[in-house]
C-alpha atoms as a PDB file:
ATOM      1  CA  MET A   1     -53.094 -25.450 159.780  1.00  0.00           C
ATOM      2  CA  PHE A   2     -54.074 -27.339 163.070  1.00  0.00           C
ATOM      3  CA  ASN A   3     -57.687 -27.347 164.052  1.00  0.00           C
ATOM      4  CA  GLN A   4     -59.692 -28.872 166.689  1.00  0.00           C
ATOM      5  CA  ARG A   5     -59.645 -32.148 165.097  1.00  0.00           C
ATOM      6  CA  TRP A   6     -55.959 -32.696 165.414  1.00  0.00           C
ATOM      7  CA  ILE A   7     -56.204 -31.738 169.205  1.00  0.00           C
ATOM      8  CA  THR A   8     -59.174 -34.368 169.626  1.00  0.00           C
ATOM      9  CA  LEU A   9     -57.037 -36.892 167.643  1.00  0.00           C
ATOM     10  CA  SER A  10     -53.903 -36.220 169.630  1.00  0.00           C
ATOM     11  CA  ILE A  11     -55.884 -36.802 172.917  1.00  0.00           C
ATOM     12  CA  LEU A  12     -57.366 -39.976 171.636  1.00  0.00           C
ATOM     13  CA  MET A  13     -54.170 -41.181 170.736  1.00  0.00           C
ATOM     14  CA  ILE A  14     -52.901 -40.616 174.189  1.00  0.00           C
ATOM     15  CA  LEU A  15     -55.567 -42.354 175.948  1.00  0.00           C
ATOM     16  CA  LEU A  16     -55.120 -45.070 173.662  1.00  0.00           C
ATOM     17  CA  GLY A  17     -51.396 -45.341 174.457  1.00  0.00           C
ATOM     18  CA  LEU A  18     -52.193 -45.277 178.100  1.00  0.00           C
ATOM     19  CA  LEU A  19     -54.915 -47.943 177.971  1.00  0.00           C
ATOM     20  CA  LEU A  20     -52.595 -50.255 175.906  1.00  0.00           C
ATOM     21  CA  GLY A  21     -49.641 -49.499 177.757  1.00  0.00           C
ATOM     22  CA  GLN A  22     -47.391 -48.653 174.823  1.00  0.00           C
ATOM     23  CA  ARG A  23     -45.214 -45.332 175.471  1.00  0.00           C
ATOM     24  CA  ALA A  24     -44.131 -45.432 171.870  1.00  0.00           C
ATOM     25  CA  VAL A  25     -47.835 -44.567 171.097  1.00  0.00           C
ATOM     26  CA  LEU A  26     -47.561 -41.551 173.467  1.00  0.00           C
ATOM     27  CA  VAL A  27     -44.527 -39.719 171.733  1.00  0.00           C
ATOM     28  CA  LEU A  28     -46.236 -38.500 168.518  1.00  0.00           C
ATOM     29  CA  PRO A  29     -49.605 -36.959 169.999  1.00  0.00           C
ATOM     30  CA  ILE A  30     -47.487 -35.300 172.791  1.00  0.00           C
ATOM     31  CA  PHE A  31     -45.114 -33.957 170.245  1.00  0.00           C
ATOM     32  CA  LEU A  32     -47.961 -32.750 168.060  1.00  0.00           C
ATOM     33  CA  LEU A  33     -49.761 -30.989 171.135  1.00  0.00           C
ATOM     34  CA  LEU A  34     -46.328 -29.322 172.084  1.00  0.00           C
ATOM     35  CA  THR A  35     -46.001 -28.042 168.515  1.00  0.00           C
ATOM     36  CA  ILE A  36     -49.565 -26.775 168.338  1.00  0.00           C
ATOM     37  CA  ALA A  37     -49.326 -24.906 171.784  1.00  0.00           C
ATOM     38  CA  ALA A  38     -45.956 -23.401 170.572  1.00  0.00           C
ATOM     39  CA  GLY A  39     -47.655 -22.306 167.201  1.00  0.00           C
ATOM     40  CA  HIS A  40     -50.290 -20.615 169.181  1.00  0.00           C
ATOM     41  CA  TRP A  41     -47.852 -18.933 171.534  1.00  0.00           C
ATOM     42  CA  TRP A  42     -45.944 -17.709 168.697  1.00  0.00           C
ATOM     43  CA  ASN A  43     -49.071 -16.358 166.769  1.00  0.00           C
ATOM     44  CA  ASP A  44     -50.085 -14.599 169.941  1.00  0.00           C
ATOM     45  CA  ARG A  45     -46.613 -12.701 170.143  1.00  0.00           C
ATOM     46  CA  ALA A  46     -45.426 -12.369 166.473  1.00  0.00           C
ATOM     47  CA  LEU A  47     -46.778  -8.809 165.895  1.00  0.00           C
ATOM     48  CA  ARG A  48     -46.405  -7.556 169.407  1.00  0.00           C
ATOM     49  CA  ASP A  49     -44.068  -4.581 169.543  1.00  0.00           C
ATOM     50  CA  VAL A  50     -43.948  -4.378 165.636  1.00  0.00           C
ATOM     51  CA  THR A  51     -44.520  -0.876 164.690  1.00  0.00           C
ATOM     52  CA  TYR A  52     -44.626   0.905 161.373  1.00  0.00           C
ATOM     53  CA  ARG A  53     -44.593   4.645 160.378  1.00  0.00           C
ATOM     54  CA  ARG A  54     -45.311   6.244 157.124  1.00  0.00           C
ATOM     55  CA  ARG A  55     -44.209   9.345 155.724  1.00  0.00           C
ATOM     56  CA  ILE A  56     -45.784  10.994 152.614  1.00  0.00           C
ATOM     57  CA  ALA A  57     -43.533  13.530 150.792  1.00  0.00           C
ATOM     58  CA  ARG A  58     -46.337  15.817 149.765  1.00  0.00           C
ATOM     59  CA  LYS A  59     -49.511  17.061 151.782  1.00  0.00           C
ATOM     60  CA  ARG A  60     -51.539  17.240 148.342  1.00  0.00           C
ATOM     61  CA  ALA A  61     -51.250  15.418 144.722  1.00  0.00           C
ATOM     62  CA  PHE A  62     -53.369  15.249 141.657  1.00  0.00           C
ATOM     63  CA  PRO A  63     -54.675  11.870 140.274  1.00  0.00           C
ATOM     64  CA  GLY A  64     -51.841  10.148 138.539  1.00  0.00           C
ATOM     65  CA  GLU A  65     -49.293  12.048 140.143  1.00  0.00           C
ATOM     66  CA  THR A  66     -46.271  10.184 141.510  1.00  0.00           C
ATOM     67  CA  VAL A  67     -45.810  10.686 145.249  1.00  0.00           C
ATOM     68  CA  ASP A  68     -42.949   9.251 147.272  1.00  0.00           C
ATOM     69  CA  ILE A  69     -43.987   7.167 150.392  1.00  0.00           C
ATOM     70  CA  GLU A  70     -41.740   6.214 153.138  1.00  0.00           C
ATOM     71  CA  VAL A  71     -42.712   3.280 155.284  1.00  0.00           C
ATOM     72  CA  ILE A  72     -40.749   2.085 158.152  1.00  0.00           C
ATOM     73  CA  VAL A  73     -41.526  -1.205 160.130  1.00  0.00           C
ATOM     74  CA  GLU A  74     -39.755  -1.953 163.213  1.00  0.00           C
ATOM     75  CA  ASN A  75     -39.465  -5.209 165.381  1.00  0.00           C
ATOM     76  CA  SER A  76     -38.369  -4.461 168.763  1.00  0.00           C
ATOM     77  CA  LYS A  77     -38.453  -7.638 170.310  1.00  0.00           C
ATOM     78  CA  LEU A  78     -36.099 -10.711 170.414  1.00  0.00           C
ATOM     79  CA  LEU A  79     -38.942 -12.930 168.603  1.00  0.00           C
ATOM     80  CA  PRO A  80     -38.398 -12.779 164.840  1.00  0.00           C
ATOM     81  CA  CYS A  81     -41.182 -12.124 162.645  1.00  0.00           C
ATOM     82  CA  ARG A  82     -40.227 -14.737 159.971  1.00  0.00           C
ATOM     83  CA  GLY A  83     -43.772 -14.991 158.264  1.00  0.00           C
ATOM     84  CA  CYS A  84     -44.099 -11.202 158.367  1.00  0.00           C
ATOM     85  CA  VAL A  85     -43.994 -10.241 154.791  1.00  0.00           C
ATOM     86  CA  TRP A  86     -44.931  -6.648 153.848  1.00  0.00           C
ATOM     87  CA  THR A  87     -45.465  -6.073 150.176  1.00  0.00           C
ATOM     88  CA  THR A  88     -46.735  -2.946 148.234  1.00  0.00           C
ATOM     89  CA  SER A  89     -48.063  -2.959 144.807  1.00  0.00           C
ATOM     90  CA  GLY A  90     -47.288  -0.335 142.259  1.00  0.00           C
ATOM     91  CA  ARG A  91     -50.841   1.296 142.192  1.00  0.00           C
ATOM     92  CA  TRP A  92     -52.858   2.273 145.328  1.00  0.00           C
ATOM     93  CA  PRO A  93     -56.648   2.904 145.283  1.00  0.00           C
ATOM     94  CA  ARG A  94     -57.885   6.468 143.862  1.00  0.00           C
ATOM     95  CA  ARG A  95     -60.102   6.721 146.728  1.00  0.00           C
ATOM     96  CA  PRO A  96     -58.716   6.934 150.424  1.00  0.00           C
ATOM     97  CA  PRO A  97     -59.607   3.984 152.611  1.00  0.00           C
ATOM     98  CA  THR A  98     -61.296   6.285 155.268  1.00  0.00           C
ATOM     99  CA  ARG A  99     -63.255   9.348 155.181  1.00  0.00           C
ATOM    100  CA  ARG A 100     -61.723  10.871 158.427  1.00  0.00           C
ATOM    101  CA  ARG A 101     -59.314  13.677 157.195  1.00  0.00           C
ATOM    102  CA  SER A 102     -57.202  13.344 160.327  1.00  0.00           C
ATOM    103  CA  ALA A 103     -56.008  10.149 159.047  1.00  0.00           C
ATOM    104  CA  LEU A 104     -55.042  11.336 155.618  1.00  0.00           C
ATOM    105  CA  ARG A 105     -52.671  14.020 157.060  1.00  0.00           C
ATOM    106  CA  PRO A 106     -48.993  13.386 156.829  1.00  0.00           C
ATOM    107  CA  TRP A 107     -47.217  12.994 159.999  1.00  0.00           C
ATOM    108  CA  PRO A 108     -45.675  16.202 161.444  1.00  0.00           C
ATOM    109  CA  THR A 109     -42.191  16.824 160.613  1.00  0.00           C
ATOM    110  CA  ARG A 110     -39.671  18.575 162.654  1.00  0.00           C
ATOM    111  CA  ALA A 111     -38.442  21.894 161.579  1.00  0.00           C
ATOM    112  CA  SER A 112     -34.742  22.066 161.088  1.00  0.00           C
END
């Protein structure tokens, strides 16, 4: 949403406010720069310590067969992931997204 033009405009407004001696002109660009900095900080840290696990109920399945998949997403930090929305569709692609066989293996389960 905010790009380099907003930052440049804010700096120009700050310089204009300083040249004219108008403190009221300084409030908006300083607030805008603080908002941009806070947004970048939040964006950098939003997905840190967010993990997910998936468990597939079966090791093998035929095309068209229904397979249960459990996905667990965990946020282990105080910073919330308000914009983090995970959605799934009812159909997944027929071909796996990778050619590595190790990526397609289900997670090992503990023997009881």
